[in-house]
């Protein structure tokens, strides 16, 4: 039985390109790729803040490390 593969999403293509560049030791210089990744990252951050609020757990970890 054959499986039908769907075409890769833009996110998957972007991830593959970033992994390829990283494996070659190169930077991401394509402005469109950088823009798409930044927009998705900012959207994910907004979603997390909306869902959980601002969490200041780093301060607690630093204080624990001092003790």
C-alpha atoms as a PDB file:
ATOM      1  CA  UNK A   1       0.000   0.000   0.000  1.00  0.00           C
ATOM      2  CA  UNK A   2       1.397   3.376  -0.968  1.00  0.00           C
ATOM      3  CA  UNK A   3       1.292   6.306   1.367  1.00  0.00           C
ATOM      4  CA  UNK A   4       0.504   9.718   0.000  1.00  0.00           C
ATOM      5  CA  UNK A   5       3.048  12.250   1.135  1.00  0.00           C
ATOM      6  CA  UNK A   6       1.930  15.828   1.437  1.00  0.00           C
ATOM      7  CA  UNK A   7       4.272  18.516   0.182  1.00  0.00           C
ATOM      8  CA  UNK A   8       6.486  20.054   2.876  1.00  0.00           C
ATOM      9  CA  UNK A   9       5.184  23.140   4.621  1.00  0.00           C
ATOM     10  CA  UNK A  10       7.015  26.452   4.499  1.00  0.00           C
ATOM     11  CA  UNK A  11       8.081  25.883   8.105  1.00  0.00           C
ATOM     12  CA  UNK A  12       9.624  22.532   7.195  1.00  0.00           C
ATOM     13  CA  UNK A  13      11.415  24.013   4.194  1.00  0.00           C
ATOM     14  CA  UNK A  14      12.743  26.875   6.315  1.00  0.00           C
ATOM     15  CA  UNK A  15      13.944  24.443   8.991  1.00  0.00           C
ATOM     16  CA  UNK A  16      15.699  22.289   6.410  1.00  0.00           C
ATOM     17  CA  UNK A  17      17.448  25.328   4.927  1.00  0.00           C
ATOM     18  CA  UNK A  18      18.568  26.541   8.356  1.00  0.00           C
ATOM     19  CA  UNK A  19      19.871  23.067   9.254  1.00  0.00           C
ATOM     20  CA  UNK A  20      21.719  22.867   5.941  1.00  0.00           C
ATOM     21  CA  UNK A  21      23.366  26.238   6.510  1.00  0.00           C
ATOM     22  CA  UNK A  22      24.254  25.351  10.108  1.00  0.00           C
ATOM     23  CA  UNK A  23      25.821  22.065   9.027  1.00  0.00           C
ATOM     24  CA  UNK A  24      27.961  23.976   6.545  1.00  0.00           C
ATOM     25  CA  UNK A  25      28.957  26.537   9.173  1.00  0.00           C
ATOM     26  CA  UNK A  26      27.203  29.349   7.331  1.00  0.00           C
ATOM     27  CA  UNK A  27      24.927  32.107   8.583  1.00  0.00           C
ATOM     28  CA  UNK A  28      21.364  32.692   7.481  1.00  0.00           C
ATOM     29  CA  UNK A  29      21.682  35.663   5.159  1.00  0.00           C
ATOM     30  CA  UNK A  30      18.423  35.401   3.196  1.00  0.00           C
ATOM     31  CA  UNK A  31      16.297  38.319   4.458  1.00  0.00           C
ATOM     32  CA  UNK A  32      13.011  36.582   3.586  1.00  0.00           C
ATOM     33  CA  UNK A  33      13.965  33.445   5.486  1.00  0.00           C
ATOM     34  CA  UNK A  34      15.015  35.530   8.493  1.00  0.00           C
ATOM     35  CA  UNK A  35      11.744  37.496   8.347  1.00  0.00           C
ATOM     36  CA  UNK A  36       9.574  34.345   8.243  1.00  0.00           C
ATOM     37  CA  UNK A  37      11.430  32.706  11.119  1.00  0.00           C
ATOM     38  CA  UNK A  38      11.306  35.895  13.201  1.00  0.00           C
ATOM     39  CA  UNK A  39       7.573  36.306  12.604  1.00  0.00           C
ATOM     40  CA  UNK A  40       6.854  32.709  13.632  1.00  0.00           C
ATOM     41  CA  UNK A  41       9.056  33.069  16.707  1.00  0.00           C
ATOM     42  CA  UNK A  42       7.340  36.281  17.797  1.00  0.00           C
ATOM     43  CA  UNK A  43       3.908  34.710  17.255  1.00  0.00           C
ATOM     44  CA  UNK A  44       4.885  31.721  19.415  1.00  0.00           C
ATOM     45  CA  UNK A  45       6.169  34.047  22.141  1.00  0.00           C
ATOM     46  CA  UNK A  46       2.919  36.057  22.087  1.00  0.00           C
ATOM     47  CA  UNK A  47       0.902  32.846  22.292  1.00  0.00           C
ATOM     48  CA  UNK A  48       2.888  31.624  25.298  1.00  0.00           C
ATOM     49  CA  UNK A  49       2.565  34.991  27.081  1.00  0.00           C
ATOM     50  CA  UNK A  50      -1.185  35.038  26.414  1.00  0.00           C
ATOM     51  CA  UNK A  51      -1.562  31.497  27.702  1.00  0.00           C
ATOM     52  CA  UNK A  52       0.753  31.593  30.751  1.00  0.00           C
ATOM     53  CA  UNK A  53       1.552  35.260  31.331  1.00  0.00           C
ATOM     54  CA  UNK A  54       5.024  36.523  32.083  1.00  0.00           C
ATOM     55  CA  UNK A  55       6.936  33.996  34.150  1.00  0.00           C
ATOM     56  CA  UNK A  56       9.974  35.188  36.069  1.00  0.00           C
ATOM     57  CA  UNK A  57      11.456  31.813  36.960  1.00  0.00           C
ATOM     58  CA  UNK A  58      15.030  32.873  36.193  1.00  0.00           C
ATOM     59  CA  UNK A  59      15.191  34.995  39.352  1.00  0.00           C
ATOM     60  CA  UNK A  60      14.225  31.991  41.485  1.00  0.00           C
ATOM     61  CA  UNK A  61      16.878  29.830  39.801  1.00  0.00           C
ATOM     62  CA  UNK A  62      19.574  32.446  40.402  1.00  0.00           C
ATOM     63  CA  UNK A  63      18.593  32.732  44.067  1.00  0.00           C
ATOM     64  CA  UNK A  64      18.676  28.939  44.435  1.00  0.00           C
ATOM     65  CA  UNK A  65      22.137  28.864  42.883  1.00  0.00           C
ATOM     66  CA  UNK A  66      23.435  31.339  45.475  1.00  0.00           C
ATOM     67  CA  UNK A  67      22.274  29.203  48.401  1.00  0.00           C
END
